[in-house]
């Protein structure tokens, strides 16, 4: 099943060109695609001068997870989320942990056709409070995700994107209207590394982070950020400070950040796992600079949520499970009254 894409421009007039090229406006790559050609992501195809999404109503993977696994620590804590994803990506990360999905493409055998109503039903049956678009880049699912989200909202289910943040501005302005929470990978604070490791541009991700953050005032959109630390690429103190400075100056100190440990994968399988000391130091720097909520991933760590004002334990976590969430009342620390950036419903 295919659907005509919501974001593309015809680069021809009438039948004046046998190639009938189009420009995909879905993500920051803005691919120019000839007739019968595919975009970089392998999910958008030009068929006789019209762009179609090959992944419409198609999934490759679905699983019920703790919401903290996304990771989203400040959005519906302690709840389950129905995680779905498929094939394709608009990045080409050398260290991709889901490369078997992101670097692959659809065929009639490797995916399942599924209706939005079925996804919503499955989420409800599994006692989930949300649906997470994850595993591969959710930007590529715009039409499917919007349709599913609108149905799920009528059933009081939230929707989350786990994304590289490389949407076009045009598609993101629409996405924030129906996606309730984002965890965005801010992979590096260096445009050269973005180009060499991921095949993208830092500036587009930074601009999109600002759009998502600003959507909080209009739509209540929640944002968390993840940075995967890789030895000697983005682990030096200046790099960590640059990431934190951007968040503090352009977003807000209340935005949770997750520093995650890299493990050898895909085309970086010869690299070593990130040194634990680098992650501990990154957390220390972020807190010292004024970041209110800093967490470490892919390693044993204290990932409880504390009040950034008085230090009161607000949410205790052991792995992904929350054992206590009674220290927040009406969005404020019960001890000192500090406003806590956390969504329970």
C-alpha atoms as a PDB file:
ATOM      1  CA  UNK A   1       0.000   0.000   0.000  1.00  0.00           C
ATOM      2  CA  UNK A   2       1.270   3.461  -0.923  1.00  0.00           C
ATOM      3  CA  UNK A   3       0.107   7.018  -0.301  1.00  0.00           C
ATOM      4  CA  UNK A   4       0.976  10.189  -2.149  1.00  0.00           C
ATOM      5  CA  UNK A   5       3.383  12.163  -0.007  1.00  0.00           C
ATOM      6  CA  UNK A   6       2.228  15.356   1.665  1.00  0.00           C
ATOM      7  CA  UNK A   7       5.539  17.123   1.072  1.00  0.00           C
ATOM      8  CA  UNK A   8       6.999  17.346  -2.409  1.00  0.00           C
ATOM      9  CA  UNK A   9       7.379  19.738  -5.326  1.00  0.00           C
ATOM     10  CA  UNK A  10       7.101  18.896  -9.013  1.00  0.00           C
ATOM     11  CA  UNK A  11      10.163  20.073 -10.938  1.00  0.00           C
ATOM     12  CA  UNK A  12       8.475  19.878 -14.329  1.00  0.00           C
ATOM     13  CA  UNK A  13       5.462  21.276 -16.118  1.00  0.00           C
ATOM     14  CA  UNK A  14       2.815  18.946 -17.530  1.00  0.00           C
ATOM     15  CA  UNK A  15       4.416  16.258 -19.688  1.00  0.00           C
ATOM     16  CA  UNK A  16       7.333  18.423 -20.767  1.00  0.00           C
ATOM     17  CA  UNK A  17       9.890  16.044 -19.285  1.00  0.00           C
ATOM     18  CA  UNK A  18       9.977  12.270 -19.551  1.00  0.00           C
ATOM     19  CA  UNK A  19      11.965  12.185 -16.306  1.00  0.00           C
ATOM     20  CA  UNK A  20       9.279  14.107 -14.395  1.00  0.00           C
ATOM     21  CA  UNK A  21      11.623  14.890 -11.470  1.00  0.00           C
ATOM     22  CA  UNK A  22      10.287  15.925  -8.078  1.00  0.00           C
ATOM     23  CA  UNK A  23      11.856  17.362  -4.942  1.00  0.00           C
ATOM     24  CA  UNK A  24      10.984  15.645  -1.679  1.00  0.00           C
ATOM     25  CA  UNK A  25      10.331  18.217   1.056  1.00  0.00           C
ATOM     26  CA  UNK A  26       9.889  15.729   3.895  1.00  0.00           C
ATOM     27  CA  UNK A  27      13.313  16.055   5.527  1.00  0.00           C
ATOM     28  CA  UNK A  28      16.404  18.197   5.488  1.00  0.00           C
ATOM     29  CA  UNK A  29      17.986  16.300   2.601  1.00  0.00           C
ATOM     30  CA  UNK A  30      15.486  17.708   0.065  1.00  0.00           C
ATOM     31  CA  UNK A  31      16.189  14.888  -2.395  1.00  0.00           C
ATOM     32  CA  UNK A  32      15.634  15.490  -6.109  1.00  0.00           C
ATOM     33  CA  UNK A  33      14.147  12.250  -7.447  1.00  0.00           C
ATOM     34  CA  UNK A  34      13.764  11.223 -11.080  1.00  0.00           C
ATOM     35  CA  UNK A  35      10.829   9.186 -12.355  1.00  0.00           C
ATOM     36  CA  UNK A  36      10.870   5.662 -10.859  1.00  0.00           C
ATOM     37  CA  UNK A  37      13.653   6.751  -8.534  1.00  0.00           C
ATOM     38  CA  UNK A  38      13.883   6.589  -4.746  1.00  0.00           C
ATOM     39  CA  UNK A  39      14.940   9.199  -2.241  1.00  0.00           C
ATOM     40  CA  UNK A  40      18.016   8.653  -0.066  1.00  0.00           C
ATOM     41  CA  UNK A  41      15.836   7.038   2.612  1.00  0.00           C
ATOM     42  CA  UNK A  42      14.423   4.366   0.237  1.00  0.00           C
ATOM     43  CA  UNK A  43      10.876   5.084   1.435  1.00  0.00           C
ATOM     44  CA  UNK A  44       9.834   7.866  -0.979  1.00  0.00           C
ATOM     45  CA  UNK A  45       9.406   6.943  -4.657  1.00  0.00           C
ATOM     46  CA  UNK A  46       8.675   9.028  -7.723  1.00  0.00           C
ATOM     47  CA  UNK A  47       6.039   7.253  -9.801  1.00  0.00           C
ATOM     48  CA  UNK A  48       5.214   9.079 -13.017  1.00  0.00           C
ATOM     49  CA  UNK A  49       5.881  12.481 -11.503  1.00  0.00           C
ATOM     50  CA  UNK A  50       4.140  11.932  -8.169  1.00  0.00           C
ATOM     51  CA  UNK A  51       5.920  11.128  -4.911  1.00  0.00           C
ATOM     52  CA  UNK A  52       4.613   8.195  -2.897  1.00  0.00           C
ATOM     53  CA  UNK A  53       5.429   6.852   0.578  1.00  0.00           C
ATOM     54  CA  UNK A  54       6.234   3.148   0.257  1.00  0.00           C
ATOM     55  CA  UNK A  55       5.993   2.661   4.034  1.00  0.00           C
ATOM     56  CA  UNK A  56       2.375   3.781   4.390  1.00  0.00           C
ATOM     57  CA  UNK A  57       0.540   1.303   6.681  1.00  0.00           C
ATOM     58  CA  UNK A  58       3.648  -0.903   6.802  1.00  0.00           C
ATOM     59  CA  UNK A  59       5.705  -1.879   9.853  1.00  0.00           C
ATOM     60  CA  UNK A  60       8.734  -4.093  10.339  1.00  0.00           C
ATOM     61  CA  UNK A  61       8.813  -4.209  14.123  1.00  0.00           C
ATOM     62  CA  UNK A  62       6.531  -3.616  17.095  1.00  0.00           C
ATOM     63  CA  UNK A  63       7.092  -4.170  20.804  1.00  0.00           C
ATOM     64  CA  UNK A  64       5.812  -2.944  24.143  1.00  0.00           C
ATOM     65  CA  UNK A  65       8.538  -1.151  26.114  1.00  0.00           C
ATOM     66  CA  UNK A  66       8.926   0.946  29.242  1.00  0.00           C
ATOM     67  CA  UNK A  67       8.734   4.597  28.163  1.00  0.00           C
ATOM     68  CA  UNK A  68      12.099   5.127  29.888  1.00  0.00           C
ATOM     69  CA  UNK A  69      13.728   2.914  27.247  1.00  0.00           C
ATOM     70  CA  UNK A  70      13.201   5.519  24.506  1.00  0.00           C
ATOM     71  CA  UNK A  71      14.678   7.247  26.607  1.00  0.00           C
ATOM     72  CA  UNK A  72      11.925   9.525  27.904  1.00  0.00           C
ATOM     73  CA  UNK A  73      12.267   9.995  31.657  1.00  0.00           C
ATOM     74  CA  UNK A  74       9.989  13.001  32.083  1.00  0.00           C
ATOM     75  CA  UNK A  75       7.061  11.893  29.933  1.00  0.00           C
ATOM     76  CA  UNK A  76       4.495   9.514  31.441  1.00  0.00           C
ATOM     77  CA  UNK A  77       7.093   7.976  33.808  1.00  0.00           C
ATOM     78  CA  UNK A  78       6.538   4.375  34.789  1.00  0.00           C
ATOM     79  CA  UNK A  79       4.207   3.696  31.860  1.00  0.00           C
ATOM     80  CA  UNK A  80       4.437   1.352  28.876  1.00  0.00           C
ATOM     81  CA  UNK A  81       4.660   2.529  25.266  1.00  0.00           C
ATOM     82  CA  UNK A  82       3.801   0.639  22.083  1.00  0.00           C
ATOM     83  CA  UNK A  83       6.985   0.922  20.006  1.00  0.00           C
ATOM     84  CA  UNK A  84       6.760   0.649  16.229  1.00  0.00           C
ATOM     85  CA  UNK A  85       9.182   1.118  13.359  1.00  0.00           C
ATOM     86  CA  UNK A  86      10.243   0.017   9.929  1.00  0.00           C
ATOM     87  CA  UNK A  87      12.994   0.360   7.347  1.00  0.00           C
ATOM     88  CA  UNK A  88      14.959   3.299   6.010  1.00  0.00           C
ATOM     89  CA  UNK A  89      16.664   6.433   7.311  1.00  0.00           C
ATOM     90  CA  UNK A  90      17.658   9.870   6.094  1.00  0.00           C
ATOM     91  CA  UNK A  91      21.044   9.505   7.817  1.00  0.00           C
ATOM     92  CA  UNK A  92      23.860   7.028   7.180  1.00  0.00           C
ATOM     93  CA  UNK A  93      25.408   6.850  10.647  1.00  0.00           C
ATOM     94  CA  UNK A  94      28.541   4.721  10.729  1.00  0.00           C
ATOM     95  CA  UNK A  95      27.719   3.669  14.297  1.00  0.00           C
ATOM     96  CA  UNK A  96      23.996   2.928  13.789  1.00  0.00           C
ATOM     97  CA  UNK A  97      22.674   0.534  16.425  1.00  0.00           C
ATOM     98  CA  UNK A  98      19.592  -0.370  14.343  1.00  0.00           C
ATOM     99  CA  UNK A  99      21.338  -0.623  10.974  1.00  0.00           C
ATOM    100  CA  UNK A 100      19.518  -3.833  10.029  1.00  0.00           C
ATOM    101  CA  UNK A 101      16.347  -1.720   9.889  1.00  0.00           C
ATOM    102  CA  UNK A 102      17.593   1.748   9.033  1.00  0.00           C
ATOM    103  CA  UNK A 103      19.914   0.640   6.238  1.00  0.00           C
ATOM    104  CA  UNK A 104      17.420  -1.747   4.693  1.00  0.00           C
ATOM    105  CA  UNK A 105      14.405  -1.168   2.439  1.00  0.00           C
ATOM    106  CA  UNK A 106      10.899  -2.546   2.096  1.00  0.00           C
ATOM    107  CA  UNK A 107       9.858  -5.542   0.066  1.00  0.00           C
ATOM    108  CA  UNK A 108       6.752  -7.702   0.116  1.00  0.00           C
ATOM    109  CA  UNK A 109       8.286 -10.201   2.548  1.00  0.00           C
ATOM    110  CA  UNK A 110      10.025  -8.187   5.268  1.00  0.00           C
ATOM    111  CA  UNK A 111       7.197  -6.039   6.605  1.00  0.00           C
ATOM    112  CA  UNK A 112       3.610  -6.279   7.769  1.00  0.00           C
ATOM    113  CA  UNK A 113       0.658  -4.275   6.575  1.00  0.00           C
ATOM    114  CA  UNK A 114      -1.156  -2.771   9.544  1.00  0.00           C
ATOM    115  CA  UNK A 115      -3.903  -0.191   9.954  1.00  0.00           C
ATOM    116  CA  UNK A 116      -3.708   2.738  12.383  1.00  0.00           C
ATOM    117  CA  UNK A 117      -6.777   1.402  14.180  1.00  0.00           C
ATOM    118  CA  UNK A 118      -4.951  -1.877  14.800  1.00  0.00           C
ATOM    119  CA  UNK A 119      -1.911  -0.101  16.244  1.00  0.00           C
ATOM    120  CA  UNK A 120      -4.145   1.845  18.610  1.00  0.00           C
ATOM    121  CA  UNK A 121      -6.026  -1.305  19.613  1.00  0.00           C
ATOM    122  CA  UNK A 122      -2.757  -3.176  20.260  1.00  0.00           C
ATOM    123  CA  UNK A 123      -1.461  -0.317  22.407  1.00  0.00           C
ATOM    124  CA  UNK A 124      -4.631  -0.267  24.494  1.00  0.00           C
ATOM    125  CA  UNK A 125      -4.629  -4.057  24.886  1.00  0.00           C
ATOM    126  CA  UNK A 126      -1.035  -3.893  26.159  1.00  0.00           C
ATOM    127  CA  UNK A 127      -1.991  -1.231  28.720  1.00  0.00           C
ATOM    128  CA  UNK A 128       0.174   1.383  27.034  1.00  0.00           C
ATOM    129  CA  UNK A 129      -0.324   5.092  27.556  1.00  0.00           C
ATOM    130  CA  UNK A 130       1.481   6.036  24.359  1.00  0.00           C
ATOM    131  CA  UNK A 131       2.705   4.985  20.921  1.00  0.00           C
ATOM    132  CA  UNK A 132       6.385   5.531  20.109  1.00  0.00           C
ATOM    133  CA  UNK A 133       7.659   5.863  16.560  1.00  0.00           C
ATOM    134  CA  UNK A 134      11.162   4.494  16.903  1.00  0.00           C
ATOM    135  CA  UNK A 135      13.704   1.869  15.662  1.00  0.00           C
ATOM    136  CA  UNK A 136      14.126   3.787  12.384  1.00  0.00           C
ATOM    137  CA  UNK A 137      13.645   7.474  11.592  1.00  0.00           C
ATOM    138  CA  UNK A 138       9.979   8.406  12.200  1.00  0.00           C
ATOM    139  CA  UNK A 139      10.148  11.494   9.968  1.00  0.00           C
ATOM    140  CA  UNK A 140       9.765   9.113   7.034  1.00  0.00           C
ATOM    141  CA  UNK A 141       6.368   7.992   8.392  1.00  0.00           C
ATOM    142  CA  UNK A 142       4.737  11.422   8.408  1.00  0.00           C
ATOM    143  CA  UNK A 143       1.415  10.521   6.762  1.00  0.00           C
ATOM    144  CA  UNK A 144       1.075   7.204   8.602  1.00  0.00           C
ATOM    145  CA  UNK A 145       2.092   8.765  11.933  1.00  0.00           C
ATOM    146  CA  UNK A 146      -0.343  11.658  11.593  1.00  0.00           C
ATOM    147  CA  UNK A 147      -3.241   9.355  10.752  1.00  0.00           C
ATOM    148  CA  UNK A 148      -2.428   7.044  13.663  1.00  0.00           C
ATOM    149  CA  UNK A 149      -1.866   9.874  16.121  1.00  0.00           C
ATOM    150  CA  UNK A 150      -5.182  11.530  15.405  1.00  0.00           C
ATOM    151  CA  UNK A 151      -6.998   8.245  16.022  1.00  0.00           C
ATOM    152  CA  UNK A 152      -4.977   7.480  19.148  1.00  0.00           C
ATOM    153  CA  UNK A 153      -5.648  10.901  20.669  1.00  0.00           C
ATOM    154  CA  UNK A 154      -9.351  10.118  20.629  1.00  0.00           C
ATOM    155  CA  UNK A 155      -8.486   7.120  22.823  1.00  0.00           C
ATOM    156  CA  UNK A 156      -6.374   9.253  25.190  1.00  0.00           C
ATOM    157  CA  UNK A 157      -3.090   7.811  23.929  1.00  0.00           C
ATOM    158  CA  UNK A 158      -0.052  10.054  23.501  1.00  0.00           C
ATOM    159  CA  UNK A 159       2.501   9.791  20.692  1.00  0.00           C
ATOM    160  CA  UNK A 160       6.286  10.105  20.776  1.00  0.00           C
ATOM    161  CA  UNK A 161       9.020  10.425  18.157  1.00  0.00           C
ATOM    162  CA  UNK A 162      12.516   9.035  18.781  1.00  0.00           C
ATOM    163  CA  UNK A 163      14.275  10.929  16.028  1.00  0.00           C
ATOM    164  CA  UNK A 164      17.510  12.322  14.613  1.00  0.00           C
ATOM    165  CA  UNK A 165      15.757  15.680  14.279  1.00  0.00           C
ATOM    166  CA  UNK A 166      16.395  16.020  10.530  1.00  0.00           C
ATOM    167  CA  UNK A 167      12.898  16.997   9.394  1.00  0.00           C
ATOM    168  CA  UNK A 168      12.263  19.790   6.954  1.00  0.00           C
ATOM    169  CA  UNK A 169      10.918  22.911   8.634  1.00  0.00           C
ATOM    170  CA  UNK A 170       7.722  22.498   6.615  1.00  0.00           C
ATOM    171  CA  UNK A 171       7.038  18.948   7.819  1.00  0.00           C
ATOM    172  CA  UNK A 172       8.130  19.648  11.405  1.00  0.00           C
ATOM    173  CA  UNK A 173       5.710  22.568  11.717  1.00  0.00           C
ATOM    174  CA  UNK A 174       2.946  20.047  11.029  1.00  0.00           C
ATOM    175  CA  UNK A 175       4.452  17.219  13.089  1.00  0.00           C
ATOM    176  CA  UNK A 176       4.451  19.189  16.350  1.00  0.00           C
ATOM    177  CA  UNK A 177       0.670  19.461  16.031  1.00  0.00           C
ATOM    178  CA  UNK A 178       0.155  15.717  16.595  1.00  0.00           C
ATOM    179  CA  UNK A 179       3.311  14.368  18.297  1.00  0.00           C
ATOM    180  CA  UNK A 180       3.281  14.894  22.055  1.00  0.00           C
ATOM    181  CA  UNK A 181       6.897  14.124  22.916  1.00  0.00           C
ATOM    182  CA  UNK A 182      10.258  14.013  21.158  1.00  0.00           C
ATOM    183  CA  UNK A 183      13.581  12.505  22.088  1.00  0.00           C
ATOM    184  CA  UNK A 184      16.031  14.006  19.618  1.00  0.00           C
ATOM    185  CA  UNK A 185      19.556  12.718  19.047  1.00  0.00           C
ATOM    186  CA  UNK A 186      21.985  15.620  19.131  1.00  0.00           C
ATOM    187  CA  UNK A 187      24.830  13.471  17.917  1.00  0.00           C
ATOM    188  CA  UNK A 188      27.655  16.020  17.817  1.00  0.00           C
ATOM    189  CA  UNK A 189      28.183  19.749  18.152  1.00  0.00           C
ATOM    190  CA  UNK A 190      30.459  19.781  15.127  1.00  0.00           C
ATOM    191  CA  UNK A 191      29.242  20.098  11.542  1.00  0.00           C
ATOM    192  CA  UNK A 192      32.227  18.183  10.157  1.00  0.00           C
ATOM    193  CA  UNK A 193      31.456  15.160  12.358  1.00  0.00           C
ATOM    194  CA  UNK A 194      27.784  15.332  11.392  1.00  0.00           C
ATOM    195  CA  UNK A 195      28.754  15.197   7.728  1.00  0.00           C
ATOM    196  CA  UNK A 196      31.432  12.504   8.080  1.00  0.00           C
ATOM    197  CA  UNK A 197      29.700  10.182  10.578  1.00  0.00           C
ATOM    198  CA  UNK A 198      26.007  10.747   9.803  1.00  0.00           C
ATOM    199  CA  UNK A 199      25.803  12.348   6.358  1.00  0.00           C
ATOM    200  CA  UNK A 200      23.839  15.316   7.713  1.00  0.00           C
ATOM    201  CA  UNK A 201      24.227  18.936   8.792  1.00  0.00           C
ATOM    202  CA  UNK A 202      24.329  20.166  12.368  1.00  0.00           C
ATOM    203  CA  UNK A 203      22.508  23.428  11.658  1.00  0.00           C
ATOM    204  CA  UNK A 204      19.297  21.724  10.535  1.00  0.00           C
ATOM    205  CA  UNK A 205      19.126  19.696  13.768  1.00  0.00           C
ATOM    206  CA  UNK A 206      19.737  22.765  15.932  1.00  0.00           C
ATOM    207  CA  UNK A 207      17.049  24.764  14.130  1.00  0.00           C
ATOM    208  CA  UNK A 208      14.586  21.915  14.559  1.00  0.00           C
ATOM    209  CA  UNK A 209      15.331  21.589  18.257  1.00  0.00           C
ATOM    210  CA  UNK A 210      14.347  25.231  18.658  1.00  0.00           C
ATOM    211  CA  UNK A 211      11.096  24.676  16.752  1.00  0.00           C
ATOM    212  CA  UNK A 212      10.209  21.665  18.922  1.00  0.00           C
ATOM    213  CA  UNK A 213      11.050  23.521  22.127  1.00  0.00           C
ATOM    214  CA  UNK A 214       8.969  26.537  21.107  1.00  0.00           C
ATOM    215  CA  UNK A 215       6.014  24.239  20.330  1.00  0.00           C
ATOM    216  CA  UNK A 216       5.693  23.604  24.058  1.00  0.00           C
ATOM    217  CA  UNK A 217       3.931  26.926  24.540  1.00  0.00           C
ATOM    218  CA  UNK A 218       1.339  26.265  21.812  1.00  0.00           C
ATOM    219  CA  UNK A 219       0.857  22.490  21.864  1.00  0.00           C
ATOM    220  CA  UNK A 220       2.395  21.313  25.144  1.00  0.00           C
ATOM    221  CA  UNK A 221       5.109  19.440  23.233  1.00  0.00           C
ATOM    222  CA  UNK A 222       7.684  17.705  25.445  1.00  0.00           C
ATOM    223  CA  UNK A 223      11.371  17.515  24.498  1.00  0.00           C
ATOM    224  CA  UNK A 224      14.310  15.435  25.715  1.00  0.00           C
ATOM    225  CA  UNK A 225      17.743  15.161  24.095  1.00  0.00           C
ATOM    226  CA  UNK A 226      20.161  12.248  23.774  1.00  0.00           C
ATOM    227  CA  UNK A 227      23.863  12.456  22.910  1.00  0.00           C
ATOM    228  CA  UNK A 228      25.744   9.219  22.279  1.00  0.00           C
ATOM    229  CA  UNK A 229      29.289   9.773  23.513  1.00  0.00           C
ATOM    230  CA  UNK A 230      32.012   8.150  21.394  1.00  0.00           C
ATOM    231  CA  UNK A 231      35.633   8.050  22.557  1.00  0.00           C
ATOM    232  CA  UNK A 232      37.677  11.009  21.293  1.00  0.00           C
ATOM    233  CA  UNK A 233      34.952  12.216  18.903  1.00  0.00           C
ATOM    234  CA  UNK A 234      32.590  14.109  21.191  1.00  0.00           C
ATOM    235  CA  UNK A 235      33.869  13.340  24.683  1.00  0.00           C
ATOM    236  CA  UNK A 236      36.225  16.282  25.313  1.00  0.00           C
ATOM    237  CA  UNK A 237      35.054  18.904  27.766  1.00  0.00           C
ATOM    238  CA  UNK A 238      34.740  21.677  25.175  1.00  0.00           C
ATOM    239  CA  UNK A 239      32.378  19.516  23.131  1.00  0.00           C
ATOM    240  CA  UNK A 240      30.192  18.766  26.144  1.00  0.00           C
ATOM    241  CA  UNK A 241      30.159  22.441  27.094  1.00  0.00           C
ATOM    242  CA  UNK A 242      29.123  23.431  23.570  1.00  0.00           C
ATOM    243  CA  UNK A 243      26.141  21.072  23.699  1.00  0.00           C
ATOM    244  CA  UNK A 244      25.085  22.356  27.114  1.00  0.00           C
ATOM    245  CA  UNK A 245      25.594  25.992  26.125  1.00  0.00           C
ATOM    246  CA  UNK A 246      23.250  25.553  23.173  1.00  0.00           C
ATOM    247  CA  UNK A 247      20.565  23.984  25.356  1.00  0.00           C
ATOM    248  CA  UNK A 248      20.923  26.621  28.070  1.00  0.00           C
ATOM    249  CA  UNK A 249      20.974  29.585  25.690  1.00  0.00           C
ATOM    250  CA  UNK A 250      18.539  28.485  22.966  1.00  0.00           C
ATOM    251  CA  UNK A 251      16.223  26.049  24.784  1.00  0.00           C
ATOM    252  CA  UNK A 252      16.070  25.825  28.564  1.00  0.00           C
ATOM    253  CA  UNK A 253      17.864  24.357  31.560  1.00  0.00           C
ATOM    254  CA  UNK A 254      14.790  22.196  32.268  1.00  0.00           C
ATOM    255  CA  UNK A 255      15.240  20.108  29.070  1.00  0.00           C
ATOM    256  CA  UNK A 256      16.437  16.627  30.137  1.00  0.00           C
ATOM    257  CA  UNK A 257      19.627  15.414  28.474  1.00  0.00           C
ATOM    258  CA  UNK A 258      20.758  11.793  28.275  1.00  0.00           C
ATOM    259  CA  UNK A 259      24.449  11.044  27.716  1.00  0.00           C
ATOM    260  CA  UNK A 260      24.563   7.500  26.395  1.00  0.00           C
ATOM    261  CA  UNK A 261      27.439   5.049  26.151  1.00  0.00           C
ATOM    262  CA  UNK A 262      28.556   3.904  22.682  1.00  0.00           C
ATOM    263  CA  UNK A 263      29.176   0.222  21.940  1.00  0.00           C
ATOM    264  CA  UNK A 264      30.881  -1.042  18.754  1.00  0.00           C
ATOM    265  CA  UNK A 265      28.346  -1.435  15.950  1.00  0.00           C
ATOM    266  CA  UNK A 266      27.906  -1.381  12.172  1.00  0.00           C
ATOM    267  CA  UNK A 267      30.863   0.348  10.464  1.00  0.00           C
ATOM    268  CA  UNK A 268      32.429   1.341  13.770  1.00  0.00           C
ATOM    269  CA  UNK A 269      32.655  -2.192  15.138  1.00  0.00           C
ATOM    270  CA  UNK A 270      36.422  -1.850  15.625  1.00  0.00           C
ATOM    271  CA  UNK A 271      36.041   1.041  18.047  1.00  0.00           C
ATOM    272  CA  UNK A 272      36.071   0.609  21.824  1.00  0.00           C
ATOM    273  CA  UNK A 273      33.084   1.179  24.109  1.00  0.00           C
ATOM    274  CA  UNK A 274      33.025   4.655  25.587  1.00  0.00           C
ATOM    275  CA  UNK A 275      35.092   5.036  28.730  1.00  0.00           C
ATOM    276  CA  UNK A 276      32.867   5.302  31.784  1.00  0.00           C
ATOM    277  CA  UNK A 277      34.867   8.264  33.064  1.00  0.00           C
ATOM    278  CA  UNK A 278      33.860  10.278  29.992  1.00  0.00           C
ATOM    279  CA  UNK A 279      30.170   9.841  30.774  1.00  0.00           C
ATOM    280  CA  UNK A 280      30.588  10.618  34.460  1.00  0.00           C
ATOM    281  CA  UNK A 281      32.529  13.764  33.580  1.00  0.00           C
ATOM    282  CA  UNK A 282      29.906  14.814  31.010  1.00  0.00           C
ATOM    283  CA  UNK A 283      27.198  14.587  33.655  1.00  0.00           C
ATOM    284  CA  UNK A 284      29.298  16.558  36.114  1.00  0.00           C
ATOM    285  CA  UNK A 285      29.945  19.315  33.555  1.00  0.00           C
ATOM    286  CA  UNK A 286      26.282  19.553  32.549  1.00  0.00           C
ATOM    287  CA  UNK A 287      25.101  19.857  36.156  1.00  0.00           C
ATOM    288  CA  UNK A 288      27.789  22.403  37.006  1.00  0.00           C
ATOM    289  CA  UNK A 289      26.704  24.496  34.005  1.00  0.00           C
ATOM    290  CA  UNK A 290      23.120  24.581  35.236  1.00  0.00           C
ATOM    291  CA  UNK A 291      21.371  21.717  33.423  1.00  0.00           C
ATOM    292  CA  UNK A 292      18.571  20.575  35.733  1.00  0.00           C
ATOM    293  CA  UNK A 293      18.108  16.963  34.611  1.00  0.00           C
ATOM    294  CA  UNK A 294      21.085  14.914  33.418  1.00  0.00           C
ATOM    295  CA  UNK A 295      21.015  11.148  32.899  1.00  0.00           C
ATOM    296  CA  UNK A 296      23.431   8.439  31.746  1.00  0.00           C
ATOM    297  CA  UNK A 297      22.435   5.602  29.420  1.00  0.00           C
ATOM    298  CA  UNK A 298      23.790   2.165  28.441  1.00  0.00           C
ATOM    299  CA  UNK A 299      25.608   1.874  31.776  1.00  0.00           C
ATOM    300  CA  UNK A 300      24.824   1.408  35.480  1.00  0.00           C
ATOM    301  CA  UNK A 301      24.128   4.826  36.954  1.00  0.00           C
ATOM    302  CA  UNK A 302      21.979   6.800  39.361  1.00  0.00           C
ATOM    303  CA  UNK A 303      19.167   7.848  37.043  1.00  0.00           C
ATOM    304  CA  UNK A 304      16.751   9.008  39.690  1.00  0.00           C
ATOM    305  CA  UNK A 305      15.093  12.384  39.219  1.00  0.00           C
ATOM    306  CA  UNK A 306      15.956  14.934  41.892  1.00  0.00           C
ATOM    307  CA  UNK A 307      14.619  18.401  42.448  1.00  0.00           C
ATOM    308  CA  UNK A 308      17.187  20.740  40.859  1.00  0.00           C
ATOM    309  CA  UNK A 309      16.469  23.325  43.541  1.00  0.00           C
ATOM    310  CA  UNK A 310      16.554  21.432  46.857  1.00  0.00           C
ATOM    311  CA  UNK A 311      17.862  17.972  45.853  1.00  0.00           C
ATOM    312  CA  UNK A 312      14.734  16.103  46.999  1.00  0.00           C
ATOM    313  CA  UNK A 313      14.349  12.631  45.459  1.00  0.00           C
ATOM    314  CA  UNK A 314      11.306  12.905  43.224  1.00  0.00           C
ATOM    315  CA  UNK A 315      11.306   9.711  41.136  1.00  0.00           C
ATOM    316  CA  UNK A 316      13.360   6.622  41.983  1.00  0.00           C
ATOM    317  CA  UNK A 317      14.340   4.379  39.085  1.00  0.00           C
ATOM    318  CA  UNK A 318      15.816   0.901  39.059  1.00  0.00           C
ATOM    319  CA  UNK A 319      16.480   0.048  35.431  1.00  0.00           C
ATOM    320  CA  UNK A 320      13.315   1.272  33.741  1.00  0.00           C
ATOM    321  CA  UNK A 321      10.809   0.891  36.558  1.00  0.00           C
ATOM    322  CA  UNK A 322       9.684   3.721  38.796  1.00  0.00           C
ATOM    323  CA  UNK A 323       9.227   2.810  42.440  1.00  0.00           C
ATOM    324  CA  UNK A 324       8.168   6.239  43.666  1.00  0.00           C
ATOM    325  CA  UNK A 325       6.466   9.204  42.038  1.00  0.00           C
ATOM    326  CA  UNK A 326       4.746  10.692  45.045  1.00  0.00           C
ATOM    327  CA  UNK A 327       7.160  13.569  45.611  1.00  0.00           C
ATOM    328  CA  UNK A 328       5.678  15.730  42.865  1.00  0.00           C
ATOM    329  CA  UNK A 329       2.396  17.531  43.439  1.00  0.00           C
ATOM    330  CA  UNK A 330       0.645  19.602  40.795  1.00  0.00           C
ATOM    331  CA  UNK A 331       3.876  19.729  38.793  1.00  0.00           C
ATOM    332  CA  UNK A 332       6.002  21.004  41.696  1.00  0.00           C
ATOM    333  CA  UNK A 333       8.482  19.536  44.165  1.00  0.00           C
ATOM    334  CA  UNK A 334       6.543  18.655  47.302  1.00  0.00           C
ATOM    335  CA  UNK A 335       9.461  19.791  49.459  1.00  0.00           C
ATOM    336  CA  UNK A 336      10.331  23.253  48.100  1.00  0.00           C
ATOM    337  CA  UNK A 337       7.713  24.019  45.441  1.00  0.00           C
ATOM    338  CA  UNK A 338      10.144  24.191  42.488  1.00  0.00           C
ATOM    339  CA  UNK A 339       8.387  23.637  39.139  1.00  0.00           C
ATOM    340  CA  UNK A 340       9.331  20.249  37.658  1.00  0.00           C
ATOM    341  CA  UNK A 341       9.440  19.650  33.902  1.00  0.00           C
ATOM    342  CA  UNK A 342       7.538  16.366  33.910  1.00  0.00           C
ATOM    343  CA  UNK A 343       4.329  15.146  32.281  1.00  0.00           C
ATOM    344  CA  UNK A 344       2.223  12.516  34.064  1.00  0.00           C
ATOM    345  CA  UNK A 345      -0.851  12.572  31.834  1.00  0.00           C
END
